[in-house]
Amino acid sequence: MSAIITDQLRILNAKNFVAGVALTSNSYYSFVGLPNPTDYNTDWNTSPPSPVDNFNQENNHWDTMIAMKKISKTDVRQVVRKTIWTSGVTYDMYRHDISATKLSQPSNSVDLYSANYYVLNSDYRVYICLQNGTSPENPSGRPSLDEPTFTDLEPREAGTSGDGYIWKYLYTISPSDIVKFDSTNYMPVPQDWDTSSREAAVRNNAASSGQLKIVTITNRGVGLGTANRTYTRVPIRGDGSGAEATVVINNDSKVETVTVSSGGSGYTFGTLDLVGGNVPTGTTSPVFNVIIPPQGGHGADIYKELGAYNVLLYSRIENDAENPDFITGNQIARVGIVESPLSNGSDSILTLDKASAVYALKLTGIGYSSVVFNADTQITQTIGVGSTAFGRVISYDQSTGVLKYWQDRYHCGFNTNGTQNASPTYGFALHRFTADIGGGGSFNILGGSATLAIQTSFGSESNPGISTVINSRTYYLGQQFVKGVSQPEVQKYSGNIIYVDNRPSITRSTNQKEDIKVILQF
C-alpha cells in the first residue's frame, strides 16, 4: 500500500502552531545559555557540535540555561521561501499539475512548493507568476525583464518589454514585519489572512473557486483556416461554467495567442472547445493547457497558495536596567525555544516577559565592590562537614554584589562525555549554594579575589529582596532573593524544549542587542 502525508497537513500544523502561541494555556520562550562551551568541546567555537535529541541532553540544556524571553502572538508568523525578483532570471509559473512526471519549468521541481513561482520585489511586494512566457518555442519560459511593481488586483503584465510574464499582486510586507520576520532565506506571509481587513481586497478579488485566468499553448496547430483572424467567446469546457477565451490566428494559420476573456467558475479541469467557438481545427489541431487556480481562486488562501509550512519565531534580547536577566561580560553559545515552562515552585505556566534561569547570590564583605570573579572560574562554599557546593561564575555585579553561577553534573563527579570520574573532587552530589548551612558550614564564597559571604539579611520569605539602594540609586536585581539566595524564576526541567541551536560563542556587552529568529519547519 502506498500513502503520503500531503503538504496541506504541514501547512495546517504550521497554522495551528501559530494559533497555539496566542492561547493563554500555552507559553513559548526563547532562551540563551551555555556560558562556557569550550568546557564541553575545545573546538566548539570553530565547529559547534550538532545538538543531541534525548532526555539526557535536554536536562543539560536546562543546567546551562541563562535567561528566557517570552514570545507573544505578535512574535510568530508563517513564512515561505524568499525568492527575490531579479532581471534576466526565468521563473516558474503557477501550475496545478506539477509532479514527478510533469516537472515545473525551468526549475525541474517535482511539486509546486519547490518551484520558483512567486517573487518579492524591491518594495517588499509579493507577486505570483501566472505566466512565464512559456510557448511551444520556449517550453521552459523566458527571462523576466520587467519588475512587477503594480498593486492592481487583476493579473497583468509588469511592463512593456514583451517578456510574456503575467503577474498577480498578492500582498506587501509591512515595515514592522520586515524587522521581525524577514530573513536571508524566508519572508513572512500576512497574519490572519482570512479575516484581515487589510487583505480583504485581494481575497475578494479571488472572486470564486475555479475562476480561470491562464491558458497556455502547447502546440500551435497547422492550417487553422483564414490567416490573421481573431476568434472571440471560444468556450472552455470542463466541470465548471462560463469561461471563454479569445484565440488569435497568425499569418501562418497557427495559434498566435490565447487569452481568457471570461474566467467563469467551478473549474477543476478544462479544455478549449474550438468547434464550439467556430475555430477551424486545421490539419494539425492546436493543443492548450488550461491552468486551474487553487481552491477559492488566486489570493483566497495565501498560506495554501504559497506553501506556508514554515514558522518563524522572533525574539529580541536586549539589556534592561530594571531586569538584568540577560548577562553581559560572558559568553552565550546556545539558543533555543521552550514550550510552556512553569514558574519556579509552582504548577502554573510561566508568564513573565523575561525570566532568569540561573541561581544567584547576594554577597557582602569588605571591598565587595572591587572584588573580581572572573567569568567561568570556580566558586565553592562549604555547606557542612564533607559537603561542598561547586559552581562556575556566570557574572558578578560589583555595584550590587550579585553573583550568578551555573552548575551541572559535570562539576560533580562526571566527565563531559557522561562517563563517571573515579576520583571526584567534591563527590557525586550536586549541592546548591545556601544560606541554611549545616554544622561545619560557612557563608563564605571562595573563588574571587577576596573572600565574601552571603548577605543572609537580604530578603525573606514574606518580603523577598528584588532591588537594593546604593548611594541613593535603586538597582533592580531581576529576580527575588531570600536570605541572600535567589532561585531561578523558571522551574528547571519543566515544559518542552522544542528547538536547540549550538552556535559559536559570543560575548555580550552592555550596549548589545540580539535578534533571534528561529525557523520551525513542519
Protein backbone atom coordinates (compact mmCIF):
# COMPACT_ATOMS: atom_id res chain seq x y z
CA MET A 1 0.00 0.00 0.00
CA SER A 2 1.32 3.42 -0.98
CA ALA A 3 0.43 6.53 1.01
CA ILE A 4 1.63 10.08 1.55
CA ILE A 5 1.19 12.80 4.11
CA THR A 6 0.38 15.83 1.99
CA ASP A 7 1.87 19.29 2.21
CA GLN A 8 -1.53 20.51 3.34
CA LEU A 9 -1.05 18.75 6.66
CA ARG A 10 2.26 20.57 7.07
CA ILE A 11 0.54 23.90 6.35
CA LEU A 12 -2.23 23.03 8.82
CA ASN A 13 0.32 22.15 11.51
CA ALA A 14 2.13 25.44 10.96
CA LYS A 15 -1.14 27.40 11.15
CA ASN A 16 -2.18 25.55 14.31
CA PHE A 17 1.19 26.23 15.91
CA VAL A 18 0.87 29.96 15.27
CA ALA A 19 -2.66 29.91 16.70
CA GLY A 20 -1.43 27.95 19.73
CA VAL A 21 1.08 30.65 20.68
CA ALA A 22 -1.82 33.05 21.20
CA LEU A 23 -3.60 30.75 23.67
CA THR A 24 -3.26 31.65 27.34
CA SER A 25 -2.99 27.95 28.13
CA ASN A 26 0.38 27.91 26.33
CA SER A 27 3.55 29.94 26.63
CA TYR A 28 6.65 29.97 24.48
CA TYR A 29 10.07 31.35 25.38
CA SER A 30 13.34 31.77 23.59
CA PHE A 31 16.40 31.10 25.70
CA VAL A 32 20.14 31.70 25.68
CA GLY A 33 22.67 29.62 27.52
CA LEU A 34 25.94 27.73 27.79
CA PRO A 35 28.36 30.34 29.21
CA ASN A 36 31.50 28.28 28.67
CA PRO A 37 31.13 25.97 25.65
CA THR A 38 34.80 25.04 25.46
CA ASP A 39 34.27 23.29 28.80
CA TYR A 40 32.39 20.71 26.72
CA ASN A 41 34.30 20.83 23.48
CA THR A 42 37.59 22.64 22.88
CA ASP A 43 36.67 23.05 19.18
CA TRP A 44 33.21 24.44 19.93
CA ASN A 45 33.82 27.93 18.53
CA THR A 46 35.19 26.64 15.23
CA SER A 47 32.88 23.65 14.86
CA PRO A 48 29.87 23.64 17.20
CA PRO A 49 28.55 20.10 17.68
CA SER A 50 25.12 19.16 16.41
CA PRO A 51 22.54 19.13 19.22
CA VAL A 52 21.61 15.73 20.58
CA ASP A 53 17.90 14.97 20.89
CA ASN A 54 17.38 12.90 24.01
CA PHE A 55 16.17 13.42 27.57
CA ASN A 56 19.68 13.39 29.00
CA GLN A 57 20.76 16.27 26.75
CA GLU A 58 17.52 18.15 27.44
CA ASN A 59 18.49 18.20 31.13
CA ASN A 60 21.87 19.62 30.17
CA HIS A 61 20.18 22.41 28.22
CA TRP A 62 18.37 23.36 31.41
CA ASP A 63 21.54 23.11 33.51
CA THR A 64 23.35 25.60 31.28
CA MET A 65 20.42 27.92 30.52
CA ILE A 66 20.89 31.59 31.47
CA ALA A 67 17.70 33.50 30.69
CA MET A 68 14.44 33.38 28.76
CA LYS A 69 12.35 35.87 26.74
CA LYS A 70 8.62 35.39 26.21
CA ILE A 71 7.37 35.01 22.65
CA SER A 72 4.00 36.68 22.12
CA LYS A 73 1.45 36.10 19.37
CA THR A 74 2.90 39.10 17.51
CA ASP A 75 6.33 37.43 17.51
CA VAL A 76 5.36 34.38 15.44
CA ARG A 77 4.45 34.16 11.77
CA GLN A 78 4.13 31.63 8.98
CA VAL A 79 6.88 32.16 6.40
CA VAL A 80 7.77 30.91 2.94
CA ARG A 81 10.95 30.65 0.93
CA LYS A 82 12.20 34.02 -0.25
CA THR A 83 12.62 34.47 -4.00
CA ILE A 84 13.78 37.99 -4.90
CA TRP A 85 12.88 39.22 -8.37
CA THR A 86 15.99 39.72 -10.50
CA SER A 87 16.04 40.88 -14.09
CA GLY A 88 17.05 38.20 -16.58
CA VAL A 89 16.00 35.26 -14.42
CA THR A 90 13.46 32.79 -15.78
CA TYR A 91 10.87 31.99 -13.12
CA ASP A 92 8.50 29.09 -12.89
CA MET A 93 4.79 29.75 -13.33
CA TYR A 94 1.97 28.58 -11.10
CA ARG A 95 0.64 25.27 -12.31
CA HIS A 96 -1.84 22.96 -10.65
CA ASP A 97 -0.45 19.76 -12.17
CA ILE A 98 3.25 19.72 -11.25
CA SER A 99 4.52 16.23 -10.47
CA ALA A 100 7.46 13.90 -10.98
CA THR A 101 6.20 13.23 -14.50
CA LYS A 102 5.21 16.86 -15.25
CA LEU A 103 8.09 18.89 -13.89
CA SER A 104 7.85 22.62 -13.30
CA GLN A 105 9.96 24.60 -15.74
CA PRO A 106 12.67 25.77 -15.67
CA SER A 107 13.47 24.60 -12.10
CA ASN A 108 12.53 20.95 -12.78
CA SER A 109 10.71 20.89 -9.44
CA VAL A 110 8.53 17.86 -8.77
CA ASP A 111 6.00 19.83 -6.70
CA LEU A 112 4.57 23.33 -6.66
CA TYR A 113 6.10 24.50 -3.39
CA SER A 114 9.63 23.69 -4.55
CA ALA A 115 9.18 25.79 -7.70
CA ASN A 116 10.14 29.47 -8.03
CA TYR A 117 6.67 30.69 -8.98
CA TYR A 118 6.41 33.80 -6.81
CA VAL A 119 8.73 36.75 -6.19
CA LEU A 120 9.45 39.56 -3.76
CA ASN A 121 10.15 42.88 -5.46
CA SER A 122 12.36 45.73 -4.27
CA ASP A 123 9.43 47.39 -2.47
CA TYR A 124 8.63 44.24 -0.48
CA ARG A 125 5.58 43.44 -2.60
CA VAL A 126 4.84 39.81 -3.34
CA TYR A 127 3.59 38.56 -6.71
CA ILE A 128 2.69 35.16 -8.08
CA CYS A 129 3.74 34.33 -11.63
CA LEU A 130 0.74 33.11 -13.63
CA GLN A 131 2.53 33.05 -16.98
CA ASN A 132 6.31 32.98 -17.51
CA GLY A 133 6.33 33.38 -21.29
CA THR A 134 6.00 29.67 -21.92
CA SER A 135 5.18 28.73 -25.51
CA PRO A 136 5.87 25.86 -27.91
CA GLU A 137 9.13 27.63 -28.83
CA ASN A 138 10.01 28.35 -25.19
CA PRO A 139 8.57 25.44 -23.17
CA SER A 140 10.65 26.44 -20.12
CA GLY A 141 9.57 30.07 -20.25
CA ARG A 142 11.62 33.19 -20.90
CA PRO A 143 13.71 35.57 -18.80
CA SER A 144 11.73 38.12 -16.81
CA LEU A 145 12.67 41.68 -17.82
CA ASP A 146 10.02 43.88 -16.16
CA GLU A 147 9.92 44.06 -12.36
CA PRO A 148 6.31 43.88 -11.16
CA THR A 149 5.53 46.95 -9.06
CA PHE A 150 1.78 47.46 -9.53
CA THR A 151 -0.84 46.86 -6.86
CA ASP A 152 -3.75 46.37 -9.26
CA LEU A 153 -5.80 43.39 -8.23
CA GLU A 154 -6.23 41.87 -11.69
CA PRO A 155 -3.28 39.91 -13.14
CA ARG A 156 -1.37 41.70 -15.88
CA GLU A 157 1.99 42.34 -17.48
CA ALA A 158 4.53 44.29 -15.46
CA GLY A 159 5.96 46.44 -18.24
CA THR A 160 6.40 46.91 -21.98
CA SER A 161 9.31 44.60 -22.75
CA GLY A 162 7.05 41.88 -24.06
CA ASP A 163 8.69 39.23 -21.89
CA GLY A 164 5.39 37.34 -21.77
CA TYR A 165 5.02 37.39 -17.99
CA ILE A 166 1.67 37.78 -16.25
CA TRP A 167 1.85 38.61 -12.54
CA LYS A 168 -0.77 38.63 -9.80
CA TYR A 169 -0.21 41.02 -6.87
CA LEU A 170 -0.77 39.32 -3.51
CA TYR A 171 0.41 41.50 -0.60
CA THR A 172 3.01 43.95 0.70
CA ILE A 173 5.20 43.08 3.69
CA SER A 174 4.78 45.79 6.33
CA PRO A 175 7.83 47.56 7.81
CA SER A 176 7.21 46.00 11.24
CA ASP A 177 7.06 42.54 9.69
CA ILE A 178 10.30 43.19 7.81
CA VAL A 179 12.10 43.86 11.09
CA LYS A 180 10.78 40.78 12.81
CA PHE A 181 10.18 38.16 10.17
CA ASP A 182 12.30 38.89 7.12
CA SER A 183 15.42 36.73 6.92
CA THR A 184 18.03 35.69 4.41
CA ASN A 185 16.05 32.73 3.09
CA TYR A 186 12.48 33.33 4.26
CA MET A 187 9.81 36.01 4.09
CA PRO A 188 6.56 36.32 6.06
CA VAL A 189 3.00 35.91 4.89
CA PRO A 190 0.39 38.18 6.47
CA GLN A 191 -1.16 37.26 9.79
CA ASP A 192 -4.86 36.35 9.91
CA TRP A 193 -5.24 36.46 6.13
CA ASP A 194 -8.77 35.02 6.34
CA THR A 195 -10.06 37.89 8.47
CA SER A 196 -7.66 40.81 7.97
CA SER A 197 -9.35 43.93 6.62
CA ARG A 198 -6.03 44.97 5.08
CA GLU A 199 -6.03 41.90 2.84
CA ALA A 200 -9.78 41.85 2.15
CA ALA A 201 -9.46 43.36 -1.34
CA VAL A 202 -7.10 40.64 -2.54
CA ARG A 203 -9.27 37.91 -1.01
CA ASN A 204 -12.41 39.32 -2.56
CA ASN A 205 -10.70 39.68 -5.93
CA ALA A 206 -10.18 35.92 -5.95
CA ALA A 207 -13.91 36.02 -6.74
CA SER A 208 -14.81 32.34 -6.80
CA SER A 209 -13.29 28.91 -6.78
CA GLY A 210 -12.36 27.64 -10.22
CA GLN A 211 -12.25 31.04 -11.96
CA LEU A 212 -9.78 30.64 -14.81
CA LYS A 213 -7.02 33.14 -15.57
CA ILE A 214 -4.46 31.46 -17.83
CA VAL A 215 -4.42 29.13 -20.83
CA THR A 216 -1.07 28.20 -22.36
CA ILE A 217 -0.25 26.91 -25.82
CA THR A 218 1.47 23.53 -26.08
CA ASN A 219 1.14 23.14 -29.87
CA ARG A 220 0.13 25.98 -32.24
CA GLY A 221 -1.51 23.64 -34.78
CA VAL A 222 -1.28 23.82 -38.57
CA GLY A 223 -3.70 25.08 -41.24
CA LEU A 224 -6.24 26.75 -38.97
CA GLY A 225 -8.32 28.37 -41.68
CA THR A 226 -8.04 32.04 -42.59
CA ALA A 227 -4.81 33.73 -41.52
CA ASN A 228 -4.72 36.75 -39.22
CA ARG A 229 -8.08 36.21 -37.67
CA THR A 230 -9.37 36.60 -34.10
CA TYR A 231 -11.99 34.30 -32.60
CA THR A 232 -13.81 35.53 -29.52
CA ARG A 233 -16.01 33.80 -26.98
CA VAL A 234 -14.41 30.41 -27.54
CA PRO A 235 -15.95 28.19 -24.84
CA ILE A 236 -13.79 26.49 -22.23
CA ARG A 237 -15.38 23.15 -21.44
CA GLY A 238 -14.95 21.19 -18.24
CA ASP A 239 -16.73 20.75 -14.94
CA GLY A 240 -17.16 24.50 -14.47
CA SER A 241 -19.18 27.02 -16.43
CA GLY A 242 -18.99 30.43 -18.03
CA ALA A 243 -15.33 30.54 -19.07
CA GLU A 244 -14.43 31.83 -22.52
CA ALA A 245 -11.23 32.60 -24.39
CA THR A 246 -10.03 34.73 -27.28
CA VAL A 247 -7.89 32.92 -29.85
CA VAL A 248 -5.74 34.83 -32.37
CA ILE A 249 -4.59 33.08 -35.56
CA ASN A 250 -1.38 34.44 -37.14
CA ASN A 251 -0.42 34.81 -40.81
CA ASP A 252 0.86 31.20 -40.84
CA SER A 253 -2.63 29.98 -39.86
CA LYS A 254 -1.37 28.91 -36.46
CA VAL A 255 -2.46 29.96 -32.99
CA GLU A 256 -0.56 33.12 -32.07
CA THR A 257 -2.11 33.87 -28.66
CA VAL A 258 -4.87 32.70 -26.38
CA THR A 259 -6.25 34.79 -23.52
CA VAL A 260 -9.03 34.15 -21.04
CA SER A 261 -11.76 36.72 -21.65
CA SER A 262 -14.17 35.39 -19.03
CA GLY A 263 -12.96 33.26 -16.13
CA GLY A 264 -16.22 31.53 -15.28
CA SER A 265 -16.29 29.49 -12.09
CA GLY A 266 -16.16 25.98 -10.68
CA TYR A 267 -13.42 24.53 -12.88
CA THR A 268 -11.15 21.73 -11.68
CA PHE A 269 -10.30 20.77 -15.28
CA GLY A 270 -10.96 22.26 -18.69
CA THR A 271 -10.12 22.45 -22.37
CA LEU A 272 -10.90 24.80 -25.26
CA ASP A 273 -13.87 23.86 -27.44
CA LEU A 274 -12.58 25.02 -30.80
CA VAL A 275 -15.55 23.60 -32.65
CA GLY A 276 -17.98 25.37 -30.33
CA GLY A 277 -16.05 28.59 -30.89
CA ASN A 278 -16.03 28.12 -34.70
CA VAL A 279 -12.23 27.85 -34.76
CA PRO A 280 -11.00 25.60 -37.59
CA THR A 281 -9.12 22.61 -36.26
CA GLY A 282 -6.84 22.51 -39.31
CA THR A 283 -4.61 19.67 -40.47
CA THR A 284 -2.99 19.57 -37.03
CA SER A 285 -5.15 20.62 -34.10
CA PRO A 286 -3.62 23.02 -31.59
CA VAL A 287 -3.10 21.83 -28.03
CA PHE A 288 -3.76 24.01 -25.00
CA ASN A 289 -3.25 23.67 -21.26
CA VAL A 290 -5.92 25.25 -19.08
CA ILE A 291 -4.33 26.26 -15.76
CA ILE A 292 -6.62 25.61 -12.80
CA PRO A 293 -6.24 28.09 -9.91
CA PRO A 294 -6.10 26.97 -6.28
CA GLN A 295 -9.33 26.43 -4.38
CA GLY A 296 -11.07 29.76 -3.88
CA GLY A 297 -9.01 31.46 -6.59
CA HIS A 298 -5.65 33.20 -6.56
CA GLY A 299 -5.27 35.13 -3.31
CA ALA A 300 -8.11 33.41 -1.44
CA ASP A 301 -5.83 31.35 0.83
CA ILE A 302 -2.30 32.75 0.83
CA TYR A 303 -0.96 30.01 3.11
CA LYS A 304 -2.07 27.25 0.78
CA GLU A 305 -1.17 29.11 -2.39
CA LEU A 306 2.43 29.80 -1.32
CA GLY A 307 3.02 26.70 0.82
CA ALA A 308 3.43 28.34 4.24
CA TYR A 309 4.53 25.27 6.20
CA ASN A 310 7.39 27.06 7.97
CA VAL A 311 7.06 29.24 11.06
CA LEU A 312 9.45 31.97 12.22
CA LEU A 313 9.64 32.90 15.89
CA TYR A 314 11.20 36.26 16.70
CA SER A 315 12.78 37.38 19.95
CA ARG A 316 14.85 40.45 20.75
CA ILE A 317 17.36 40.13 23.57
CA GLU A 318 18.44 43.48 24.98
CA ASN A 319 19.83 44.77 28.23
CA ASP A 320 17.38 46.27 30.69
CA ALA A 321 18.38 48.19 33.81
CA GLU A 322 15.18 47.09 35.52
CA ASN A 323 15.54 43.42 34.62
CA PRO A 324 19.17 42.36 34.14
CA ASP A 325 18.39 38.70 33.42
CA PHE A 326 20.47 38.66 30.23
CA ILE A 327 24.02 38.86 31.49
CA THR A 328 26.89 40.84 29.95
CA GLY A 329 30.61 40.20 30.02
CA ASN A 330 30.27 36.47 29.45
CA GLN A 331 29.52 34.18 26.56
CA ILE A 332 26.41 32.58 25.18
CA ALA A 333 26.73 29.68 22.76
CA ARG A 334 23.27 28.17 22.64
CA VAL A 335 19.80 29.45 21.76
CA GLY A 336 16.54 27.58 21.79
CA ILE A 337 12.78 27.54 22.30
CA VAL A 338 10.88 26.19 25.31
CA GLU A 339 7.17 25.43 25.28
CA SER A 340 5.07 26.01 28.41
CA PRO A 341 7.70 26.08 31.18
CA LEU A 342 6.44 26.52 34.74
CA SER A 343 7.13 29.24 37.27
CA ASN A 344 9.63 28.10 39.87
CA GLY A 345 7.95 26.26 42.75
CA SER A 346 4.56 26.36 41.05
CA ASP A 347 2.27 24.32 38.84
CA SER A 348 1.38 27.46 36.88
CA ILE A 349 2.76 28.25 33.43
CA LEU A 350 5.44 30.94 33.42
CA THR A 351 4.09 34.29 32.19
CA LEU A 352 6.95 36.73 32.89
CA ASP A 353 8.21 38.74 29.93
CA LYS A 354 11.80 37.93 30.93
CA ALA A 355 12.88 35.19 33.29
CA SER A 356 16.18 34.23 34.86
CA ALA A 357 17.10 30.56 34.57
CA VAL A 358 20.10 30.74 36.94
CA TYR A 359 20.83 30.73 40.65
CA ALA A 360 22.26 33.87 42.22
CA LEU A 361 23.83 35.03 45.49
CA LYS A 362 23.80 38.47 47.10
CA LEU A 363 27.29 38.84 48.56
CA THR A 364 28.68 41.18 51.14
CA GLY A 365 32.03 41.82 52.74
CA ILE A 366 34.87 44.26 52.86
CA GLY A 367 35.55 45.64 49.39
CA TYR A 368 32.78 43.67 47.66
CA SER A 369 32.56 46.48 45.10
CA SER A 370 36.10 45.80 43.92
CA VAL A 371 36.22 42.01 44.20
CA VAL A 372 36.77 40.23 40.87
CA PHE A 373 35.07 36.97 39.93
CA ASN A 374 36.39 36.04 36.52
CA ALA A 375 33.79 34.56 34.18
CA ASP A 376 33.62 30.74 34.16
CA THR A 377 36.01 30.33 37.09
CA GLN A 378 35.26 28.05 40.04
CA ILE A 379 33.45 29.08 43.20
CA THR A 380 32.83 26.90 46.24
CA GLN A 381 31.02 27.01 49.56
CA THR A 382 31.43 24.60 52.45
CA ILE A 383 27.81 23.92 53.41
CA GLY A 384 28.57 21.25 56.03
CA VAL A 385 31.16 18.71 57.09
CA GLY A 386 32.27 16.88 53.94
CA SER A 387 29.77 18.76 51.76
CA THR A 388 30.92 21.38 49.26
CA ALA A 389 28.84 23.31 46.76
CA PHE A 390 30.67 23.85 43.49
CA GLY A 391 29.79 26.10 40.56
CA ARG A 392 31.05 28.27 37.75
CA VAL A 393 30.76 32.06 37.60
CA ILE A 394 28.33 33.47 35.05
CA SER A 395 28.62 37.10 36.12
CA TYR A 396 29.36 39.29 39.09
CA ASP A 397 27.97 42.81 39.54
CA GLN A 398 30.37 44.83 41.67
CA SER A 399 27.71 47.51 42.21
CA THR A 400 25.12 45.19 43.77
CA GLY A 401 27.21 42.24 44.90
CA VAL A 402 25.05 39.82 42.89
CA LEU A 403 26.91 36.72 41.73
CA LYS A 404 25.22 34.48 39.16
CA TYR A 405 26.51 30.95 38.75
CA TRP A 406 25.77 27.71 36.95
CA GLN A 407 26.10 24.07 37.91
CA ASP A 408 25.66 20.77 36.18
CA ARG A 409 26.55 17.13 36.72
CA TYR A 410 29.92 17.56 35.05
CA HIS A 411 31.01 19.59 38.07
CA CYS A 412 30.18 16.74 40.41
CA GLY A 413 31.92 13.54 39.51
CA PHE A 414 31.14 13.07 35.85
CA ASN A 415 33.12 13.81 32.72
CA THR A 416 31.77 15.88 29.84
CA ASN A 417 31.23 12.72 27.79
CA GLY A 418 28.94 11.38 30.51
CA THR A 419 31.34 8.85 31.99
CA GLN A 420 31.90 8.72 35.73
CA ASN A 421 35.06 10.19 37.23
CA ALA A 422 36.63 7.65 39.53
CA SER A 423 38.07 10.29 41.88
CA PRO A 424 35.67 13.25 42.01
CA THR A 425 36.94 16.28 43.88
CA TYR A 426 33.62 17.09 45.52
CA GLY A 427 31.83 13.75 45.42
CA PHE A 428 28.86 12.87 43.28
CA ALA A 429 26.19 15.01 44.98
CA LEU A 430 25.32 18.33 43.41
CA HIS A 431 24.93 20.73 46.33
CA ARG A 432 23.33 24.14 45.90
CA PHE A 433 24.83 27.23 47.47
CA THR A 434 22.75 28.10 50.51
CA ALA A 435 22.17 30.39 53.50
CA ASP A 436 20.95 27.39 55.52
CA ILE A 437 24.31 25.85 56.28
CA GLY A 438 24.83 22.79 58.46
CA GLY A 439 27.42 22.03 61.10
CA GLY A 440 30.90 22.94 59.93
CA GLY A 441 29.49 25.07 57.15
CA SER A 442 30.27 28.64 56.21
CA PHE A 443 28.52 31.52 54.48
CA ASN A 444 31.80 32.32 52.73
CA ILE A 445 32.07 32.01 48.96
CA LEU A 446 35.55 31.13 47.77
CA GLY A 447 36.83 31.78 44.30
CA GLY A 448 37.03 35.53 43.82
CA SER A 449 39.90 37.91 44.51
CA ALA A 450 38.74 38.21 48.13
CA THR A 451 36.54 36.20 50.47
CA LEU A 452 32.93 37.37 50.56
CA ALA A 453 29.91 35.96 52.38
CA ILE A 454 26.25 35.50 51.51
CA GLN A 455 24.27 38.51 52.75
CA THR A 456 21.74 36.48 54.72
CA SER A 457 19.93 39.61 55.90
CA PHE A 458 18.86 40.46 52.37
CA GLY A 459 15.25 39.36 51.75
CA SER A 460 12.89 36.97 53.48
CA GLU A 461 10.10 34.57 52.50
CA SER A 462 7.49 37.22 53.26
CA ASN A 463 9.46 40.09 51.79
CA PRO A 464 11.91 38.91 49.10
CA GLY A 465 14.67 41.26 48.04
CA ILE A 466 14.17 42.42 44.45
CA SER A 467 16.07 45.70 44.49
CA THR A 468 18.70 47.47 46.52
CA VAL A 469 19.52 51.14 47.07
CA ILE A 470 23.18 52.17 46.97
CA ASN A 471 24.23 55.83 47.23
CA SER A 472 20.62 56.95 46.62
CA ARG A 473 20.38 54.89 43.43
CA THR A 474 17.98 51.97 43.07
CA TYR A 475 19.34 48.83 41.46
CA TYR A 476 16.87 46.21 40.23
CA LEU A 477 18.19 42.66 40.51
CA GLY A 478 15.90 40.84 38.09
CA GLN A 479 15.00 38.03 40.50
CA GLN A 480 13.94 37.61 44.12
CA PHE A 481 16.35 36.90 46.97
CA VAL A 482 15.56 35.18 50.25
CA LYS A 483 18.37 35.38 52.82
CA GLY A 484 20.75 36.44 50.05
CA VAL A 485 19.98 33.43 47.82
CA SER A 486 17.89 33.53 44.63
CA GLN A 487 16.30 30.65 42.79
CA PRO A 488 15.66 30.64 39.02
CA GLU A 489 12.38 32.26 38.06
CA VAL A 490 11.59 29.30 35.83
CA GLN A 491 11.13 25.76 37.11
CA LYS A 492 14.07 23.93 35.63
CA TYR A 493 13.32 20.76 33.62
CA SER A 494 9.68 21.83 33.07
CA GLY A 495 7.93 22.31 29.74
CA ASN A 496 9.36 21.05 26.46
CA ILE A 497 12.49 22.22 24.70
CA ILE A 498 11.38 22.13 21.07
CA TYR A 499 14.36 23.78 19.37
CA VAL A 500 18.09 23.97 20.10
CA ASP A 501 20.87 25.64 18.14
CA ASN A 502 24.53 25.30 19.16
CA ARG A 503 26.48 28.30 17.89
CA PRO A 504 29.98 29.77 18.10
CA SER A 505 30.06 31.75 21.32
CA ILE A 506 29.57 35.50 21.51
CA THR A 507 30.39 37.74 24.48
CA ARG A 508 27.54 40.10 25.32
CA SER A 509 28.29 43.76 26.05
CA THR A 510 26.22 46.38 27.85
CA ASN A 511 25.07 48.10 24.63
CA GLN A 512 24.36 44.91 22.76
CA LYS A 513 21.11 43.57 21.29
CA GLU A 514 20.46 40.26 19.64
CA ASP A 515 17.60 39.45 17.29
CA ILE A 516 16.86 35.75 17.49
CA LYS A 517 14.95 34.34 14.53
CA VAL A 518 14.13 30.65 14.65
CA ILE A 519 12.63 28.79 11.68
CA LEU A 520 10.47 25.77 12.53
CA GLN A 521 9.80 23.52 9.56
CA PHE A 522 6.66 21.42 9.66
